[in-house]
C-alpha cells in the first residue's frame, strides 16, 4: 500500500530522492493509465501533476547532465537544468531551433550518448521513450523514477518496454496523492 503524499514532510521526500554519492543514472518519466508517456497534447504536460513537477525540479537541481530526445524538446520546449548540461539526443546531431545556452545545451546521437556522458556523475534521463529504451537495454540505468497517473488503490506495474531480460526492478518507494503514484525502482541483476 502506498504512503500518502501528505504523510511525508518535504524534507523526507527530498531524502528519498537525493542523489547517492556515486555515479548514478536515473530515468524519470510519467506514465498515464494506458501506459503512454504523453497525453492527448503530445507531451507529458497533460498527464503530470504539481507534485510530480516538484519532484522533477528537486531531482534536476543536482544533476550533472539531463538527457532528452529531440522530439521531447520539440513537443515540450526547452527546460535548462539549474547547473548541469542538457544533452539532446538527435539523429542529425543538430539541436532543434531555440537552444537557450549553447555552452550547456549539447547535441549527441544515440550511438555517441555513452561517450557524451563520460565524467558525469549524476545523470538524469527524461526521455523520450526511444532514448530511455536504449539506455535500459544497454544496462546503464540504475534507478527508475516513475510517476503513474493512477489512484492510490490501483495496481501498478512497469511498462513492458522497460523490461530487460538481464535486469530486475524492485519498487522501493510508492507515494500516492490521490491521482498520481510516485515510485522509485532500483535495479538488480537476474
N, C-alpha and C. Protein backbone atom coordinates (compact mmCIF):
# COMPACT_ATOMS: atom_id res chain seq x y z
N UNK A 1 0.84 -1.19 0.00
CA UNK A 1 0.00 0.00 0.00
C UNK A 1 0.88 1.25 0.00
N UNK A 2 0.60 2.21 -0.86
CA UNK A 2 1.46 3.40 -0.93
C UNK A 2 1.32 4.29 0.31
N UNK A 3 2.35 5.07 0.54
CA UNK A 3 2.37 6.07 1.60
C UNK A 3 1.68 7.32 1.05
N UNK A 4 0.92 8.01 1.89
CA UNK A 4 0.25 9.24 1.46
C UNK A 4 1.26 10.38 1.31
N UNK A 5 1.12 11.14 0.23
CA UNK A 5 1.97 12.32 -0.01
C UNK A 5 1.96 13.23 1.21
N UNK A 6 0.76 13.47 1.76
CA UNK A 6 0.62 14.41 2.89
C UNK A 6 1.26 13.89 4.17
N UNK A 7 1.48 12.57 4.26
CA UNK A 7 2.09 12.00 5.47
C UNK A 7 3.60 12.20 5.50
N UNK A 8 4.19 12.57 4.37
CA UNK A 8 5.64 12.76 4.30
C UNK A 8 5.98 14.25 4.34
N UNK A 9 6.85 14.61 5.23
CA UNK A 9 7.33 16.00 5.27
C UNK A 9 8.17 16.27 4.03
N UNK A 10 8.22 17.52 3.56
CA UNK A 10 9.03 17.84 2.38
C UNK A 10 10.48 17.38 2.47
N UNK A 11 11.10 17.49 3.66
CA UNK A 11 12.49 17.05 3.77
C UNK A 11 12.61 15.53 3.67
N UNK A 12 11.56 14.80 4.06
CA UNK A 12 11.57 13.34 3.90
C UNK A 12 11.51 12.96 2.42
N UNK A 13 10.71 13.70 1.65
CA UNK A 13 10.64 13.44 0.21
C UNK A 13 11.99 13.75 -0.44
N UNK A 14 12.61 14.84 -0.02
CA UNK A 14 13.92 15.19 -0.58
C UNK A 14 14.96 14.12 -0.25
N UNK A 15 14.90 13.55 0.95
CA UNK A 15 15.83 12.47 1.31
C UNK A 15 15.62 11.25 0.42
N UNK A 16 14.37 10.91 0.14
CA UNK A 16 14.08 9.76 -0.72
C UNK A 16 14.63 9.95 -2.12
N UNK A 17 14.60 11.20 -2.62
CA UNK A 17 15.01 11.49 -3.99
C UNK A 17 16.42 12.06 -4.09
N UNK A 18 17.15 12.10 -2.99
CA UNK A 18 18.53 12.63 -3.01
C UNK A 18 19.42 11.71 -3.85
N UNK A 19 20.37 12.32 -4.54
CA UNK A 19 21.33 11.54 -5.34
C UNK A 19 22.29 10.80 -4.44
N UNK A 20 22.67 9.56 -4.78
CA UNK A 20 23.69 8.86 -4.00
C UNK A 20 25.07 9.47 -4.24
N UNK A 21 26.02 9.13 -3.41
CA UNK A 21 27.37 9.67 -3.52
C UNK A 21 28.24 8.88 -4.48
N UNK A 22 27.67 8.35 -5.52
CA UNK A 22 28.39 7.55 -6.51
C UNK A 22 27.82 7.86 -7.88
N UNK A 23 28.51 7.49 -8.94
CA UNK A 23 27.94 7.69 -10.27
C UNK A 23 26.59 6.97 -10.38
N UNK A 24 25.59 7.67 -10.95
CA UNK A 24 24.22 7.14 -10.92
C UNK A 24 23.45 7.68 -12.13
N UNK A 25 22.70 6.80 -12.77
CA UNK A 25 21.85 7.19 -13.89
C UNK A 25 20.41 6.89 -13.51
N UNK A 26 19.58 7.94 -13.60
CA UNK A 26 18.16 7.82 -13.28
C UNK A 26 17.33 8.07 -14.54
N UNK A 27 16.24 7.33 -14.63
CA UNK A 27 15.24 7.61 -15.65
C UNK A 27 14.04 8.19 -14.93
N UNK A 28 13.56 9.34 -15.37
CA UNK A 28 12.41 9.99 -14.76
C UNK A 28 11.34 10.16 -15.84
N UNK A 29 10.19 9.51 -15.64
CA UNK A 29 9.11 9.61 -16.62
C UNK A 29 7.76 9.55 -15.92
N UNK A 30 6.76 10.10 -16.58
CA UNK A 30 5.38 9.98 -16.13
C UNK A 30 4.65 9.08 -17.12
N UNK A 31 3.78 8.22 -16.60
CA UNK A 31 3.09 7.22 -17.42
C UNK A 31 1.60 7.31 -17.12
N UNK A 32 0.80 7.43 -18.18
CA UNK A 32 -0.64 7.54 -17.96
C UNK A 32 -1.29 6.17 -17.80
N UNK A 33 -2.60 6.16 -17.61
CA UNK A 33 -3.34 4.91 -17.35
C UNK A 33 -3.24 3.91 -18.49
N UNK A 34 -2.98 4.38 -19.71
CA UNK A 34 -2.82 3.50 -20.87
C UNK A 34 -1.38 3.04 -21.07
N UNK A 35 -0.48 3.46 -20.19
CA UNK A 35 0.92 3.07 -20.31
C UNK A 35 1.73 3.96 -21.23
N UNK A 36 1.17 5.09 -21.62
CA UNK A 36 1.87 6.02 -22.52
C UNK A 36 2.58 7.10 -21.72
N UNK A 37 3.61 7.68 -22.33
CA UNK A 37 4.40 8.72 -21.66
C UNK A 37 4.01 10.12 -22.11
N UNK A 38 3.01 10.21 -22.97
CA UNK A 38 2.49 11.51 -23.39
C UNK A 38 0.97 11.47 -23.35
N UNK A 39 0.39 12.63 -23.18
CA UNK A 39 -1.06 12.74 -23.14
C UNK A 39 -1.62 13.16 -24.48
N UNK A 40 -2.86 13.61 -24.47
CA UNK A 40 -3.56 13.97 -25.70
C UNK A 40 -2.92 15.17 -26.41
N UNK A 41 -2.15 15.98 -25.67
CA UNK A 41 -1.49 17.14 -26.27
C UNK A 41 -0.14 16.79 -26.91
N UNK A 42 0.25 15.50 -26.86
CA UNK A 42 1.52 15.08 -27.44
C UNK A 42 2.72 15.32 -26.55
N UNK A 43 2.48 15.77 -25.31
CA UNK A 43 3.56 15.99 -24.36
C UNK A 43 3.17 15.37 -23.02
N UNK A 44 4.09 15.44 -22.06
CA UNK A 44 3.79 14.91 -20.73
C UNK A 44 3.03 15.91 -19.87
N UNK A 45 2.91 17.16 -20.33
CA UNK A 45 2.27 18.21 -19.54
C UNK A 45 0.87 17.83 -19.09
N UNK A 46 0.10 17.19 -19.96
CA UNK A 46 -1.30 16.90 -19.64
C UNK A 46 -1.47 15.70 -18.72
N UNK A 47 -0.40 14.93 -18.45
CA UNK A 47 -0.53 13.78 -17.55
C UNK A 47 0.30 13.92 -16.28
N UNK A 48 0.95 15.04 -16.12
CA UNK A 48 1.77 15.29 -14.94
C UNK A 48 0.93 16.00 -13.87
N UNK A 49 1.54 16.32 -12.76
CA UNK A 49 0.83 17.00 -11.67
C UNK A 49 1.77 17.99 -10.99
N UNK A 50 1.21 18.80 -10.12
CA UNK A 50 2.02 19.75 -9.35
C UNK A 50 3.07 19.03 -8.52
N UNK A 51 2.69 17.93 -7.87
CA UNK A 51 3.65 17.19 -7.05
C UNK A 51 4.74 16.56 -7.90
N UNK A 52 4.37 16.05 -9.06
CA UNK A 52 5.37 15.47 -9.96
C UNK A 52 6.38 16.53 -10.39
N UNK A 53 5.90 17.71 -10.75
CA UNK A 53 6.81 18.79 -11.17
C UNK A 53 7.72 19.22 -10.02
N UNK A 54 7.21 19.16 -8.78
CA UNK A 54 8.04 19.49 -7.61
C UNK A 54 9.20 18.50 -7.49
N UNK A 55 8.91 17.21 -7.66
CA UNK A 55 9.96 16.20 -7.58
C UNK A 55 10.97 16.34 -8.72
N UNK A 56 10.47 16.65 -9.93
CA UNK A 56 11.35 16.83 -11.08
C UNK A 56 12.32 17.99 -10.82
N UNK A 57 11.81 19.10 -10.31
CA UNK A 57 12.69 20.24 -10.00
C UNK A 57 13.77 19.84 -9.00
N UNK A 58 13.39 19.09 -7.99
CA UNK A 58 14.36 18.67 -6.98
C UNK A 58 15.43 17.77 -7.58
N UNK A 59 15.03 16.78 -8.36
CA UNK A 59 15.99 15.83 -8.94
C UNK A 59 16.88 16.52 -9.97
N UNK A 60 16.32 17.42 -10.76
CA UNK A 60 17.11 18.14 -11.77
C UNK A 60 18.16 19.05 -11.13
N UNK A 61 17.84 19.57 -9.96
CA UNK A 61 18.70 20.57 -9.30
C UNK A 61 20.14 20.11 -9.17
N UNK A 62 20.36 18.84 -8.86
CA UNK A 62 21.71 18.34 -8.61
C UNK A 62 22.23 17.41 -9.70
N UNK A 63 21.56 17.39 -10.85
CA UNK A 63 22.01 16.54 -11.96
C UNK A 63 23.18 17.21 -12.68
N UNK A 64 24.19 16.40 -13.02
CA UNK A 64 25.31 16.90 -13.83
C UNK A 64 24.94 16.95 -15.31
N UNK A 65 23.99 16.09 -15.69
CA UNK A 65 23.52 16.07 -17.08
C UNK A 65 22.08 15.60 -17.10
N UNK A 66 21.29 16.24 -17.95
CA UNK A 66 19.91 15.84 -18.19
C UNK A 66 19.81 15.46 -19.66
N UNK A 67 19.28 14.27 -19.93
CA UNK A 67 19.16 13.77 -21.30
C UNK A 67 17.72 13.87 -21.74
N UNK A 68 17.52 14.44 -22.93
CA UNK A 68 16.20 14.49 -23.54
C UNK A 68 16.34 14.18 -25.02
N UNK A 69 15.33 13.55 -25.57
CA UNK A 69 15.30 13.34 -27.00
C UNK A 69 14.86 14.62 -27.71
N UNK A 70 15.29 14.79 -28.94
CA UNK A 70 14.93 16.00 -29.69
C UNK A 70 13.42 16.12 -29.87
N UNK A 71 12.72 14.99 -30.04
CA UNK A 71 11.26 15.03 -30.19
C UNK A 71 10.62 15.55 -28.91
N UNK A 72 11.16 15.17 -27.76
CA UNK A 72 10.63 15.67 -26.48
C UNK A 72 10.84 17.18 -26.36
N UNK A 73 12.00 17.65 -26.77
CA UNK A 73 12.28 19.09 -26.72
C UNK A 73 11.32 19.85 -27.63
N UNK A 74 11.10 19.32 -28.83
CA UNK A 74 10.17 19.99 -29.75
C UNK A 74 8.75 20.01 -29.20
N UNK A 75 8.33 18.94 -28.54
CA UNK A 75 6.96 18.85 -28.01
C UNK A 75 6.78 19.65 -26.72
N UNK A 76 7.81 19.69 -25.88
CA UNK A 76 7.64 20.25 -24.55
C UNK A 76 8.37 21.56 -24.32
N UNK A 77 9.29 21.92 -25.19
CA UNK A 77 10.04 23.16 -25.03
C UNK A 77 11.37 22.93 -24.33
N UNK A 78 12.10 24.01 -24.19
CA UNK A 78 13.44 23.96 -23.58
C UNK A 78 13.34 24.18 -22.08
N UNK A 79 13.87 23.26 -21.30
CA UNK A 79 13.93 23.40 -19.85
C UNK A 79 15.36 23.10 -19.42
N UNK A 80 16.16 24.15 -19.34
CA UNK A 80 17.56 24.01 -18.98
C UNK A 80 17.69 23.66 -17.50
N UNK A 81 18.48 22.63 -17.17
CA UNK A 81 18.66 22.30 -15.75
C UNK A 81 19.39 23.43 -15.03
N UNK A 82 19.23 23.54 -13.71
CA UNK A 82 19.84 24.64 -12.97
C UNK A 82 21.36 24.75 -13.11
N UNK A 83 22.08 23.60 -13.15
CA UNK A 83 23.54 23.70 -13.20
C UNK A 83 24.19 22.76 -14.20
N UNK A 84 23.58 21.64 -14.50
CA UNK A 84 24.20 20.66 -15.38
C UNK A 84 23.96 20.95 -16.85
N UNK A 85 24.52 20.09 -17.70
CA UNK A 85 24.32 20.20 -19.14
C UNK A 85 23.01 19.53 -19.55
N UNK A 86 22.45 20.01 -20.63
CA UNK A 86 21.29 19.37 -21.25
C UNK A 86 21.80 18.69 -22.52
N UNK A 87 21.72 17.35 -22.56
CA UNK A 87 22.15 16.58 -23.72
C UNK A 87 20.91 16.22 -24.53
N UNK A 88 20.85 16.70 -25.75
CA UNK A 88 19.71 16.45 -26.62
C UNK A 88 20.11 15.39 -27.63
N UNK A 89 19.41 14.26 -27.56
CA UNK A 89 19.70 13.14 -28.46
C UNK A 89 18.91 13.35 -29.76
N UNK A 90 19.64 13.40 -30.86
CA UNK A 90 19.04 13.68 -32.15
C UNK A 90 19.72 12.86 -33.24
N UNK A 91 18.95 12.40 -34.21
CA UNK A 91 19.53 11.61 -35.31
C UNK A 91 20.51 12.44 -36.14
N UNK A 92 20.21 13.72 -36.31
CA UNK A 92 21.02 14.59 -37.17
C UNK A 92 22.25 15.14 -36.46
N UNK A 93 22.31 14.96 -35.12
CA UNK A 93 23.38 15.54 -34.30
C UNK A 93 23.35 17.06 -34.34
N UNK A 94 22.17 17.62 -34.59
CA UNK A 94 21.98 19.08 -34.56
C UNK A 94 20.83 19.41 -33.63
N UNK A 95 20.94 20.53 -32.94
CA UNK A 95 19.92 20.92 -31.98
C UNK A 95 18.68 21.47 -32.68
N UNK A 96 17.49 21.20 -32.12
CA UNK A 96 16.29 21.87 -32.62
C UNK A 96 16.43 23.39 -32.43
N UNK A 97 15.68 24.19 -33.15
CA UNK A 97 15.78 25.64 -33.03
C UNK A 97 15.47 26.14 -31.62
N UNK A 98 16.15 27.21 -31.24
CA UNK A 98 15.84 27.90 -30.00
C UNK A 98 16.62 27.44 -28.78
N UNK A 99 17.73 26.75 -28.95
CA UNK A 99 18.52 26.29 -27.79
C UNK A 99 18.90 27.49 -26.93
N UNK A 100 18.62 27.45 -25.62
CA UNK A 100 18.80 28.62 -24.77
C UNK A 100 20.25 28.98 -24.43
N UNK A 101 21.13 28.02 -24.32
CA UNK A 101 22.52 28.29 -23.90
C UNK A 101 23.42 27.25 -24.56
N UNK A 102 24.06 27.64 -25.64
CA UNK A 102 24.86 26.69 -26.42
C UNK A 102 26.10 26.19 -25.70
N UNK A 103 26.44 26.78 -24.56
CA UNK A 103 27.57 26.25 -23.80
C UNK A 103 27.14 25.09 -22.91
N UNK A 104 25.83 25.00 -22.61
CA UNK A 104 25.31 23.94 -21.74
C UNK A 104 24.30 23.03 -22.43
N UNK A 105 23.91 23.36 -23.63
CA UNK A 105 22.98 22.52 -24.39
C UNK A 105 23.78 21.88 -25.51
N UNK A 106 23.89 20.56 -25.47
CA UNK A 106 24.74 19.84 -26.40
C UNK A 106 23.94 18.80 -27.17
N UNK A 107 24.25 18.66 -28.44
CA UNK A 107 23.61 17.64 -29.27
C UNK A 107 24.48 16.39 -29.28
N UNK A 108 23.84 15.24 -29.31
CA UNK A 108 24.54 13.97 -29.44
C UNK A 108 23.61 12.99 -30.15
N UNK A 109 24.20 11.98 -30.73
CA UNK A 109 23.39 10.92 -31.32
C UNK A 109 23.25 9.81 -30.29
N UNK A 110 22.31 8.93 -30.52
CA UNK A 110 22.11 7.78 -29.63
C UNK A 110 23.38 6.95 -29.53
N UNK A 111 24.07 6.80 -30.68
CA UNK A 111 25.29 5.99 -30.73
C UNK A 111 26.43 6.61 -29.93
N UNK A 112 26.44 7.94 -29.81
CA UNK A 112 27.52 8.65 -29.09
C UNK A 112 27.14 9.06 -27.67
N UNK A 113 25.94 8.67 -27.24
CA UNK A 113 25.45 9.13 -25.94
C UNK A 113 26.36 8.69 -24.79
N UNK A 114 26.77 7.44 -24.77
CA UNK A 114 27.63 6.97 -23.69
C UNK A 114 28.92 7.78 -23.61
N UNK A 115 29.50 8.10 -24.75
CA UNK A 115 30.72 8.92 -24.78
C UNK A 115 30.44 10.32 -24.22
N UNK A 116 29.28 10.88 -24.55
CA UNK A 116 28.93 12.22 -24.07
C UNK A 116 28.74 12.27 -22.56
N UNK A 117 28.52 11.11 -21.95
CA UNK A 117 28.28 11.06 -20.51
C UNK A 117 29.55 10.86 -19.68
N UNK A 118 30.69 10.69 -20.34
CA UNK A 118 31.94 10.48 -19.61
C UNK A 118 32.20 11.67 -18.69
N UNK A 119 32.49 11.36 -17.44
CA UNK A 119 32.78 12.40 -16.45
C UNK A 119 31.56 12.95 -15.74
N UNK A 120 30.37 12.51 -16.12
CA UNK A 120 29.13 12.98 -15.48
C UNK A 120 28.75 12.00 -14.37
N UNK A 121 28.66 12.46 -13.14
CA UNK A 121 28.37 11.57 -12.02
C UNK A 121 26.88 11.32 -11.85
N UNK A 122 26.08 12.37 -11.90
CA UNK A 122 24.64 12.24 -11.70
C UNK A 122 23.92 12.58 -13.00
N UNK A 123 23.36 11.54 -13.63
CA UNK A 123 22.75 11.68 -14.95
C UNK A 123 21.26 11.39 -14.83
N UNK A 124 20.46 12.31 -15.34
CA UNK A 124 19.00 12.17 -15.33
C UNK A 124 18.50 12.08 -16.76
N UNK A 125 17.86 10.96 -17.09
CA UNK A 125 17.25 10.82 -18.41
C UNK A 125 15.77 11.10 -18.28
N UNK A 126 15.29 12.04 -19.08
CA UNK A 126 13.88 12.39 -19.08
C UNK A 126 13.18 11.93 -20.35
N UNK A 127 13.86 11.12 -21.14
CA UNK A 127 13.21 10.58 -22.34
C UNK A 127 13.64 11.29 -23.58
N UNK A 128 12.91 10.97 -24.58
CA UNK A 128 11.72 10.16 -24.72
C UNK A 128 11.98 8.66 -24.62
N UNK A 129 10.95 8.00 -25.05
CA UNK A 129 10.91 6.56 -24.88
C UNK A 129 12.03 5.86 -25.65
N UNK A 130 12.40 6.33 -26.83
CA UNK A 130 13.48 5.72 -27.60
C UNK A 130 14.80 5.81 -26.84
N UNK A 131 15.08 6.98 -26.28
CA UNK A 131 16.31 7.17 -25.51
C UNK A 131 16.30 6.30 -24.26
N UNK A 132 15.18 6.30 -23.55
CA UNK A 132 15.06 5.51 -22.33
C UNK A 132 15.23 4.02 -22.62
N UNK A 133 14.63 3.55 -23.70
CA UNK A 133 14.75 2.13 -24.07
C UNK A 133 16.20 1.79 -24.39
N UNK A 134 16.89 2.67 -25.11
CA UNK A 134 18.30 2.44 -25.45
C UNK A 134 19.15 2.32 -24.18
N UNK A 135 19.00 3.25 -23.26
CA UNK A 135 19.78 3.22 -22.03
C UNK A 135 19.46 1.98 -21.19
N UNK A 136 18.19 1.63 -21.15
CA UNK A 136 17.78 0.45 -20.38
C UNK A 136 18.34 -0.83 -20.99
N UNK A 137 18.24 -0.96 -22.30
CA UNK A 137 18.76 -2.16 -22.95
C UNK A 137 20.28 -2.27 -22.83
N UNK A 138 20.96 -1.12 -22.72
CA UNK A 138 22.41 -1.11 -22.54
C UNK A 138 22.80 -1.36 -21.08
N UNK A 139 21.80 -1.47 -20.19
CA UNK A 139 22.07 -1.72 -18.77
C UNK A 139 22.66 -0.53 -18.06
N UNK A 140 22.39 0.68 -18.55
CA UNK A 140 23.01 1.89 -17.98
C UNK A 140 22.17 2.54 -16.87
N UNK A 141 20.91 2.17 -16.74
CA UNK A 141 20.04 2.84 -15.77
C UNK A 141 20.13 2.13 -14.42
N UNK A 142 20.38 2.92 -13.37
CA UNK A 142 20.45 2.39 -12.01
C UNK A 142 19.12 2.48 -11.28
N UNK A 143 18.30 3.46 -11.67
CA UNK A 143 17.09 3.74 -10.91
C UNK A 143 16.02 4.32 -11.81
N UNK A 144 14.78 3.91 -11.57
CA UNK A 144 13.62 4.44 -12.30
C UNK A 144 12.80 5.31 -11.35
N UNK A 145 12.57 6.54 -11.74
CA UNK A 145 11.66 7.42 -11.01
C UNK A 145 10.42 7.54 -11.89
N UNK A 146 9.42 6.74 -11.59
CA UNK A 146 8.24 6.68 -12.44
C UNK A 146 7.03 7.23 -11.71
N UNK A 147 6.37 8.18 -12.35
CA UNK A 147 5.11 8.70 -11.85
C UNK A 147 4.01 8.08 -12.68
N UNK A 148 3.07 7.44 -12.01
CA UNK A 148 1.94 6.82 -12.69
C UNK A 148 0.70 7.66 -12.46
N UNK A 149 -0.03 7.92 -13.52
CA UNK A 149 -1.32 8.57 -13.39
C UNK A 149 -2.30 7.48 -12.95
N UNK A 150 -2.43 7.31 -11.62
CA UNK A 150 -3.20 6.19 -11.09
C UNK A 150 -3.69 6.52 -9.68
N UNK A 151 -4.83 5.97 -9.33
CA UNK A 151 -5.39 6.14 -7.99
C UNK A 151 -4.55 5.38 -6.97
N UNK A 152 -4.73 5.74 -5.70
CA UNK A 152 -3.94 5.15 -4.61
C UNK A 152 -4.11 3.64 -4.50
N UNK A 153 -5.28 3.12 -4.87
CA UNK A 153 -5.52 1.69 -4.71
C UNK A 153 -5.30 0.90 -6.00
N UNK A 154 -4.85 1.56 -7.05
CA UNK A 154 -4.65 0.88 -8.34
C UNK A 154 -3.39 0.03 -8.31
N UNK A 155 -3.42 -1.07 -9.04
CA UNK A 155 -2.24 -1.91 -9.21
C UNK A 155 -1.31 -1.22 -10.22
N UNK A 156 -0.04 -1.10 -9.91
CA UNK A 156 0.90 -0.50 -10.86
C UNK A 156 1.95 -1.53 -11.24
N UNK A 157 2.37 -1.48 -12.49
CA UNK A 157 3.40 -2.37 -13.00
C UNK A 157 4.30 -1.60 -13.95
N UNK A 158 5.53 -2.07 -14.08
CA UNK A 158 6.43 -1.47 -15.05
C UNK A 158 5.89 -1.70 -16.45
N UNK A 159 6.00 -0.70 -17.31
CA UNK A 159 5.61 -0.92 -18.71
C UNK A 159 6.49 -1.98 -19.36
N UNK A 160 5.92 -2.71 -20.31
CA UNK A 160 6.66 -3.78 -20.99
C UNK A 160 7.95 -3.28 -21.62
N UNK A 161 7.94 -2.06 -22.15
CA UNK A 161 9.12 -1.55 -22.86
C UNK A 161 10.29 -1.30 -21.92
N UNK A 162 10.05 -1.32 -20.61
CA UNK A 162 11.16 -1.20 -19.66
C UNK A 162 11.68 -2.55 -19.21
N UNK A 163 11.04 -3.62 -19.66
CA UNK A 163 11.50 -4.96 -19.30
C UNK A 163 12.82 -5.24 -20.02
N UNK A 164 13.79 -5.71 -19.30
CA UNK A 164 15.09 -6.07 -19.85
C UNK A 164 15.43 -7.42 -19.24
N UNK A 165 15.61 -8.43 -20.07
CA UNK A 165 15.80 -9.78 -19.58
C UNK A 165 16.90 -9.96 -18.55
N UNK A 166 17.92 -9.08 -18.57
CA UNK A 166 19.05 -9.24 -17.65
C UNK A 166 18.87 -8.46 -16.36
N UNK A 167 17.81 -7.65 -16.26
CA UNK A 167 17.64 -6.75 -15.13
C UNK A 167 16.30 -6.99 -14.46
N UNK A 168 16.30 -6.98 -13.14
CA UNK A 168 15.04 -6.98 -12.38
C UNK A 168 14.91 -5.62 -11.71
N UNK A 169 13.70 -5.17 -11.53
CA UNK A 169 13.44 -3.90 -10.87
C UNK A 169 12.58 -4.14 -9.64
N UNK A 170 12.94 -3.52 -8.53
CA UNK A 170 12.19 -3.62 -7.30
C UNK A 170 11.67 -2.25 -6.92
N UNK A 171 10.36 -2.17 -6.70
CA UNK A 171 9.75 -0.90 -6.28
C UNK A 171 10.06 -0.70 -4.80
N UNK A 172 10.87 0.33 -4.49
CA UNK A 172 11.28 0.58 -3.12
C UNK A 172 10.51 1.72 -2.47
N UNK A 173 9.91 2.58 -3.28
CA UNK A 173 9.15 3.70 -2.74
C UNK A 173 7.88 3.86 -3.57
N UNK A 174 6.76 4.06 -2.88
CA UNK A 174 5.46 4.25 -3.54
C UNK A 174 4.69 5.28 -2.72
N UNK A 175 4.54 6.47 -3.30
CA UNK A 175 3.85 7.57 -2.63
C UNK A 175 2.63 7.94 -3.48
N UNK A 176 1.48 8.15 -2.85
CA UNK A 176 0.25 8.46 -3.58
C UNK A 176 -0.32 9.80 -3.12
N UNK A 177 -0.85 10.55 -4.08
CA UNK A 177 -1.52 11.80 -3.72
C UNK A 177 -3.00 11.82 -4.15
N UNK A 178 -3.52 10.65 -4.50
CA UNK A 178 -4.93 10.58 -4.90
C UNK A 178 -5.12 10.40 -6.39
N UNK A 179 -4.31 11.08 -7.19
CA UNK A 179 -4.41 10.96 -8.65
C UNK A 179 -3.15 10.41 -9.29
N UNK A 180 -2.04 10.47 -8.57
CA UNK A 180 -0.75 10.01 -9.10
C UNK A 180 -0.02 9.18 -8.05
N UNK A 181 0.84 8.29 -8.56
CA UNK A 181 1.70 7.47 -7.71
C UNK A 181 3.14 7.78 -8.09
N UNK A 182 3.97 8.08 -7.12
CA UNK A 182 5.36 8.45 -7.32
C UNK A 182 6.21 7.29 -6.81
N UNK A 183 6.87 6.61 -7.72
CA UNK A 183 7.59 5.39 -7.37
C UNK A 183 9.08 5.50 -7.68
N UNK A 184 9.86 4.79 -6.89
CA UNK A 184 11.29 4.66 -7.11
C UNK A 184 11.58 3.17 -7.21
N UNK A 185 12.18 2.76 -8.35
CA UNK A 185 12.52 1.37 -8.60
C UNK A 185 14.04 1.26 -8.67
N UNK A 186 14.60 0.27 -7.96
CA UNK A 186 16.04 0.04 -8.01
C UNK A 186 16.33 -1.22 -8.79
N UNK A 187 17.45 -1.21 -9.42
CA UNK A 187 17.82 -2.31 -10.30
C UNK A 187 18.55 -3.42 -9.56
N UNK A 188 18.35 -4.63 -10.07
CA UNK A 188 19.07 -5.79 -9.59
C UNK A 188 19.42 -6.64 -10.81
N UNK A 189 20.28 -7.60 -10.66
CA UNK A 189 20.67 -8.46 -11.76
C UNK A 189 20.06 -9.84 -11.54
N UNK A 190 19.50 -10.39 -12.60
CA UNK A 190 18.93 -11.76 -12.51
C UNK A 190 20.03 -12.77 -12.39
